[in-house]
N, C-alpha and C. Protein backbone atom coordinates (compact mmCIF):
# COMPACT_ATOMS: atom_id res chain seq x y z
N MET A 1 31.76 18.68 16.79
CA MET A 1 30.99 19.44 16.36
C MET A 1 31.13 18.76 14.57
N THR A 2 30.30 18.96 14.10
CA THR A 2 29.66 18.16 13.37
C THR A 2 29.77 19.37 11.59
N ASP A 3 30.42 18.83 10.96
CA ASP A 3 30.53 19.63 9.59
C ASP A 3 29.29 19.03 8.90
N ILE A 4 28.52 20.22 8.07
CA ILE A 4 27.47 19.85 7.27
C ILE A 4 27.30 19.81 6.07
N GLN A 5 27.83 18.99 5.11
CA GLN A 5 28.39 19.22 3.96
C GLN A 5 27.09 18.59 2.59
N ALA A 6 27.45 20.05 1.55
CA ALA A 6 26.19 19.51 0.21
C ALA A 6 26.80 19.73 -0.98
N LYS A 7 26.75 18.81 -1.81
CA LYS A 7 27.23 18.74 -2.76
C LYS A 7 26.57 18.99 -3.81
N LEU A 8 27.21 19.58 -5.00
CA LEU A 8 26.67 19.92 -6.76
C LEU A 8 27.34 19.71 -7.49
N ARG A 9 27.22 18.61 -8.54
CA ARG A 9 28.44 17.94 -9.49
C ARG A 9 27.60 17.43 -10.44
N PHE A 10 28.27 18.39 -11.20
CA PHE A 10 27.89 18.08 -12.66
C PHE A 10 27.04 19.81 -13.11
N LEU A 11 27.87 20.94 -12.63
CA LEU A 11 27.04 21.87 -12.81
C LEU A 11 27.19 22.34 -14.17
N ALA A 12 26.58 22.94 -15.15
CA ALA A 12 27.02 23.29 -16.23
C ALA A 12 27.20 24.66 -16.66
N HIS A 13 28.39 24.91 -15.53
CA HIS A 13 28.99 26.21 -15.77
C HIS A 13 30.10 26.16 -15.74
N SER A 14 31.20 27.11 -15.56
CA SER A 14 32.53 26.45 -15.55
C SER A 14 33.14 26.94 -14.32
N ALA A 15 34.42 26.60 -13.41
CA ALA A 15 34.34 26.55 -12.40
C ALA A 15 34.43 28.02 -12.21
N GLN A 16 35.38 28.64 -13.13
CA GLN A 16 35.47 29.86 -12.98
C GLN A 16 34.87 30.85 -12.67
N LYS A 17 33.70 30.98 -13.58
CA LYS A 17 32.25 31.59 -13.54
C LYS A 17 31.69 31.21 -11.99
N VAL A 18 31.65 30.23 -11.37
CA VAL A 18 31.37 29.77 -10.22
C VAL A 18 31.78 30.23 -9.08
N ARG A 19 33.34 30.13 -9.40
CA ARG A 19 34.27 30.76 -8.57
C ARG A 19 33.89 31.91 -8.34
N SER A 20 33.48 33.18 -8.89
CA SER A 20 33.14 34.47 -8.57
C SER A 20 32.09 34.61 -7.78
N VAL A 21 31.20 34.06 -8.19
CA VAL A 21 29.79 34.11 -7.33
C VAL A 21 29.96 33.60 -5.76
N ILE A 22 30.81 32.15 -5.49
CA ILE A 22 30.94 31.74 -4.44
C ILE A 22 31.57 32.25 -3.75
N ASP A 23 32.61 33.33 -4.11
CA ASP A 23 33.71 34.27 -3.60
C ASP A 23 33.08 35.46 -2.65
N LEU A 24 31.92 35.90 -3.07
CA LEU A 24 30.91 36.65 -2.21
C LEU A 24 30.59 36.14 -1.10
N VAL A 25 30.16 34.70 -0.64
CA VAL A 25 29.53 34.47 0.01
C VAL A 25 30.57 33.21 1.65
N ARG A 26 31.69 33.24 0.81
CA ARG A 26 32.84 32.37 1.55
C ARG A 26 32.84 33.30 3.44
N GLY A 27 32.40 32.36 4.47
CA GLY A 27 32.43 32.90 5.56
C GLY A 27 31.85 33.36 6.02
N LYS A 28 30.31 33.78 5.54
CA LYS A 28 29.59 34.53 6.23
C LYS A 28 28.58 33.86 6.94
N ASN A 29 27.20 34.01 7.88
CA ASN A 29 26.50 33.42 8.36
C ASN A 29 25.69 32.85 7.02
N ALA A 30 24.95 31.94 7.26
CA ALA A 30 24.22 31.16 6.22
C ALA A 30 22.80 32.02 5.51
N ASN A 31 22.23 32.70 6.69
CA ASN A 31 21.00 33.23 6.19
C ASN A 31 21.66 34.56 5.41
N GLU A 32 22.51 35.18 5.49
CA GLU A 32 23.24 36.42 5.21
C GLU A 32 23.82 36.09 3.87
N ALA A 33 24.55 34.66 3.49
CA ALA A 33 24.57 34.39 2.07
C ALA A 33 23.66 33.75 1.33
N LEU A 34 22.53 33.69 2.00
CA LEU A 34 21.39 32.95 0.79
C LEU A 34 20.50 34.32 0.78
N GLU A 35 20.62 35.50 1.65
CA GLU A 35 20.30 36.61 0.87
C GLU A 35 21.08 37.48 0.32
N THR A 36 22.49 37.48 -0.06
CA THR A 36 23.60 38.17 -1.00
C THR A 36 23.12 37.12 -2.44
N LEU A 37 23.16 35.59 -2.43
CA LEU A 37 22.90 35.19 -3.15
C LEU A 37 21.44 35.21 -4.31
N ARG A 38 20.85 35.65 -3.30
CA ARG A 38 19.19 35.94 -3.71
C ARG A 38 19.60 36.80 -5.37
N PHE A 39 20.22 38.49 -4.60
CA PHE A 39 20.49 39.37 -5.78
C PHE A 39 20.94 39.22 -6.58
N VAL A 40 22.50 38.29 -6.67
CA VAL A 40 23.45 38.12 -7.42
C VAL A 40 22.91 37.93 -8.84
N ASN A 41 23.42 38.79 -9.92
CA ASN A 41 23.08 38.87 -11.36
C ASN A 41 23.82 37.91 -12.19
N LYS A 42 23.95 36.45 -11.77
CA LYS A 42 25.17 35.82 -12.37
C LYS A 42 24.40 34.74 -12.68
N GLY A 43 24.31 33.76 -13.58
CA GLY A 43 23.70 32.61 -14.12
C GLY A 43 23.77 31.39 -13.01
N ALA A 44 25.10 31.36 -13.06
CA ALA A 44 25.01 30.58 -11.58
C ALA A 44 25.34 30.45 -10.30
N ALA A 45 24.43 32.05 -9.80
CA ALA A 45 23.95 32.49 -8.45
C ALA A 45 22.88 31.10 -7.89
N LEU A 46 21.80 30.97 -8.82
CA LEU A 46 21.01 30.25 -8.71
C LEU A 46 21.20 28.83 -8.40
N PRO A 47 21.68 28.08 -8.81
CA PRO A 47 22.46 26.61 -8.65
C PRO A 47 23.00 26.84 -7.30
N VAL A 48 24.14 27.68 -6.80
CA VAL A 48 24.53 28.12 -5.84
C VAL A 48 23.28 28.06 -4.76
N TYR A 49 22.68 28.87 -4.78
CA TYR A 49 21.75 29.66 -3.79
C TYR A 49 21.17 28.23 -3.48
N LYS A 50 20.37 27.28 -4.00
CA LYS A 50 19.85 25.99 -3.94
C LYS A 50 20.97 25.32 -2.87
N LEU A 51 21.82 24.85 -3.57
CA LEU A 51 23.26 24.31 -2.72
C LEU A 51 23.15 24.65 -1.55
N VAL A 52 23.42 25.47 -1.05
CA VAL A 52 23.17 26.27 0.42
C VAL A 52 22.26 26.48 1.37
N ALA A 53 21.06 26.31 0.65
CA ALA A 53 19.22 26.74 0.97
C ALA A 53 19.61 24.54 1.23
N SER A 54 20.13 23.91 0.65
CA SER A 54 19.94 22.55 0.64
C SER A 54 20.55 22.25 2.06
N ALA A 55 21.42 22.66 1.91
CA ALA A 55 22.71 22.02 3.06
C ALA A 55 22.48 23.01 4.54
N VAL A 56 21.56 24.03 4.28
CA VAL A 56 21.13 24.57 5.64
C VAL A 56 19.88 24.02 6.20
N ALA A 57 19.38 23.35 4.85
CA ALA A 57 17.93 22.45 5.43
C ALA A 57 18.37 21.24 6.13
N ASN A 58 19.54 20.30 5.44
CA ASN A 58 20.16 18.97 6.16
C ASN A 58 20.58 19.29 7.76
N ALA A 59 20.91 20.35 7.62
CA ALA A 59 21.65 20.65 8.96
C ALA A 59 20.31 20.83 10.02
N GLU A 60 18.99 21.72 9.50
CA GLU A 60 18.07 22.18 10.35
C GLU A 60 17.69 20.12 10.86
N GLU A 61 17.33 19.54 9.77
CA GLU A 61 16.51 18.44 9.67
C GLU A 61 17.50 17.20 10.51
N ASN A 62 18.31 17.12 10.00
CA ASN A 62 19.41 15.99 10.65
C ASN A 62 19.92 15.88 11.68
N PHE A 63 20.58 17.33 11.71
CA PHE A 63 21.46 17.40 12.79
C PHE A 63 20.64 18.45 14.07
N GLY A 64 19.61 19.07 13.78
CA GLY A 64 18.93 19.53 15.07
C GLY A 64 19.84 21.02 14.72
N VAL A 65 20.17 21.99 14.43
CA VAL A 65 21.07 22.77 14.23
C VAL A 65 19.82 24.01 13.77
N SER A 66 20.23 25.37 14.50
CA SER A 66 19.25 26.00 14.32
C SER A 66 20.24 27.00 13.07
N ARG A 67 19.74 27.56 12.19
CA ARG A 67 20.04 28.31 11.07
C ARG A 67 20.39 29.39 10.91
N ASP A 68 19.98 30.14 12.44
CA ASP A 68 21.17 31.14 13.24
C ASP A 68 22.37 31.09 13.35
N ASP A 69 22.60 29.88 13.61
CA ASP A 69 24.05 29.47 14.26
C ASP A 69 25.00 29.03 13.00
N LEU A 70 24.91 28.49 11.89
CA LEU A 70 25.69 27.99 10.92
C LEU A 70 25.84 29.28 9.90
N TYR A 71 27.69 28.83 9.57
CA TYR A 71 28.14 29.94 8.94
C TYR A 71 28.35 28.62 7.75
N ILE A 72 29.24 29.31 6.64
CA ILE A 72 29.80 29.09 5.69
C ILE A 72 30.92 28.41 5.85
N ALA A 73 32.00 27.81 6.30
CA ALA A 73 33.15 27.73 6.24
C ALA A 73 34.12 27.26 5.57
N LYS A 74 33.60 26.51 4.57
CA LYS A 74 34.27 26.34 3.15
C LYS A 74 33.39 26.30 1.89
N ILE A 75 33.83 26.67 1.22
CA ILE A 75 33.02 26.35 -0.29
C ILE A 75 33.95 26.53 -1.40
N THR A 76 34.21 25.46 -2.12
CA THR A 76 34.83 25.05 -3.27
C THR A 76 34.22 24.82 -4.53
N ALA A 77 35.01 24.96 -5.75
CA ALA A 77 34.34 25.05 -7.26
C ALA A 77 35.71 24.44 -7.92
N ASP A 78 35.15 23.32 -7.61
CA ASP A 78 36.38 22.35 -8.56
C ASP A 78 36.22 22.08 -10.41
N GLU A 79 36.85 21.79 -11.22
CA GLU A 79 36.75 21.79 -12.55
C GLU A 79 36.01 20.21 -12.52
N ALA A 80 35.08 19.65 -13.34
CA ALA A 80 34.36 18.97 -13.60
C ALA A 80 34.24 18.11 -15.43
N PRO A 81 34.31 17.09 -15.38
CA PRO A 81 34.64 16.35 -16.76
C PRO A 81 34.18 17.53 -17.79
N THR A 82 34.82 17.96 -19.14
CA THR A 82 34.32 18.88 -20.28
C THR A 82 34.16 18.41 -21.04
N ARG A 83 32.78 18.69 -21.69
CA ARG A 83 32.47 18.12 -22.82
C ARG A 83 33.01 18.26 -24.03
N LYS A 84 33.15 17.78 -24.87
CA LYS A 84 33.78 18.70 -26.35
C LYS A 84 32.76 18.21 -27.70
N TRP A 85 32.44 19.23 -27.94
CA TRP A 85 31.83 19.67 -28.88
C TRP A 85 32.32 19.80 -30.33
N ARG A 86 31.85 19.73 -31.53
CA ARG A 86 32.27 20.54 -32.51
C ARG A 86 31.65 21.73 -33.50
N ARG A 87 31.74 22.49 -33.38
CA ARG A 87 30.85 23.29 -34.55
C ARG A 87 31.83 23.36 -36.07
N PHE A 88 31.06 23.23 -37.47
CA PHE A 88 31.88 23.40 -38.44
C PHE A 88 32.14 24.13 -39.28
N GLY A 89 33.40 24.65 -39.45
CA GLY A 89 33.58 26.12 -39.73
C GLY A 89 34.14 25.69 -41.86
N ALA A 90 34.72 27.03 -42.10
CA ALA A 90 34.86 26.82 -43.65
C ALA A 90 36.27 25.89 -43.83
N ARG A 91 36.36 25.76 -45.42
CA ARG A 91 36.93 24.63 -46.19
C ARG A 91 37.31 23.21 -44.90
N GLY A 92 35.98 22.93 -44.78
CA GLY A 92 36.30 21.19 -43.94
C GLY A 92 36.77 21.35 -42.59
N ARG A 93 36.84 22.56 -42.04
CA ARG A 93 37.41 22.35 -40.64
C ARG A 93 36.53 22.39 -39.72
N PHE A 94 36.89 22.11 -38.59
CA PHE A 94 35.89 22.06 -37.64
C PHE A 94 36.19 23.07 -36.43
N LYS A 95 35.78 23.68 -35.39
CA LYS A 95 36.24 24.38 -34.60
C LYS A 95 35.62 23.83 -33.46
N PRO A 96 36.61 23.42 -32.33
CA PRO A 96 36.17 22.73 -31.31
C PRO A 96 35.51 23.22 -30.24
N VAL A 97 34.49 23.34 -29.67
CA VAL A 97 33.76 23.85 -28.55
C VAL A 97 34.00 23.39 -27.44
N LEU A 98 34.58 23.69 -25.63
CA LEU A 98 34.32 23.24 -24.99
C LEU A 98 33.69 23.52 -23.90
N ARG A 99 32.49 22.39 -23.90
CA ARG A 99 31.41 23.12 -22.52
C ARG A 99 32.43 22.51 -21.18
N ARG A 100 32.27 23.23 -20.39
CA ARG A 100 32.73 23.18 -18.94
C ARG A 100 31.77 22.94 -18.04
N ASN A 101 32.47 21.97 -17.20
CA ASN A 101 31.59 21.91 -15.94
C ASN A 101 32.18 21.89 -14.28
N SER A 102 31.04 21.87 -13.51
CA SER A 102 32.28 21.79 -12.29
C SER A 102 31.00 21.60 -11.02
N HIS A 103 31.95 20.85 -9.71
CA HIS A 103 31.93 20.29 -9.13
C HIS A 103 31.71 21.15 -7.74
N VAL A 104 30.88 21.76 -7.14
CA VAL A 104 30.61 22.93 -5.56
C VAL A 104 30.34 21.86 -4.91
N THR A 105 30.97 22.34 -3.77
CA THR A 105 30.89 21.65 -2.20
C THR A 105 30.95 22.90 -1.12
N VAL A 106 29.78 22.40 -0.49
CA VAL A 106 30.06 23.37 0.74
C VAL A 106 29.95 23.09 2.10
N ILE A 107 30.43 23.53 2.66
CA ILE A 107 30.65 22.82 4.36
C ILE A 107 30.11 24.04 5.10
N LEU A 108 29.39 23.63 6.23
CA LEU A 108 28.40 24.56 7.22
C LEU A 108 29.08 23.99 8.48
N ARG A 109 29.20 24.88 9.45
CA ARG A 109 29.54 24.85 10.48
C ARG A 109 28.93 25.90 11.83
N GLU A 110 28.54 25.09 12.42
CA GLU A 110 27.90 25.67 14.09
C GLU A 110 28.62 26.86 14.14
N ARG A 111 28.53 27.96 14.75
CA ARG A 111 29.03 29.34 15.23
C ARG A 111 29.04 28.74 16.57
N GLY A 112 30.24 29.18 17.28
CA GLY A 112 29.99 28.59 18.48
C GLY A 112 30.35 27.49 19.33
N ALA A 113 30.76 26.87 18.37
CA ALA A 113 30.53 25.12 18.79
C ALA A 113 31.79 24.83 18.92
């Protein structure tokens, strides 16, 4: 049994916000996960949808696995390097702005294999 893996690196959403989206689809069938992600009203839902769709397409094209047999075995969102910006404040000070990024990894497996 082969694990089908897809990665999304340097996503411009914090890992904390992405985790709230990926928790909705962990362990679900691939088709069910894609349907769920289409209607989630969060900014990180579209990139995660595209990532899962890409993993399903990889499985169909490269491994010949039917999309009906796939499920999300593991999906994680890890922190990526943070971009540090500054916004200038009163009295010559500046306020740091942390632009957080994340790496998302999805692993699909074939059910019943």
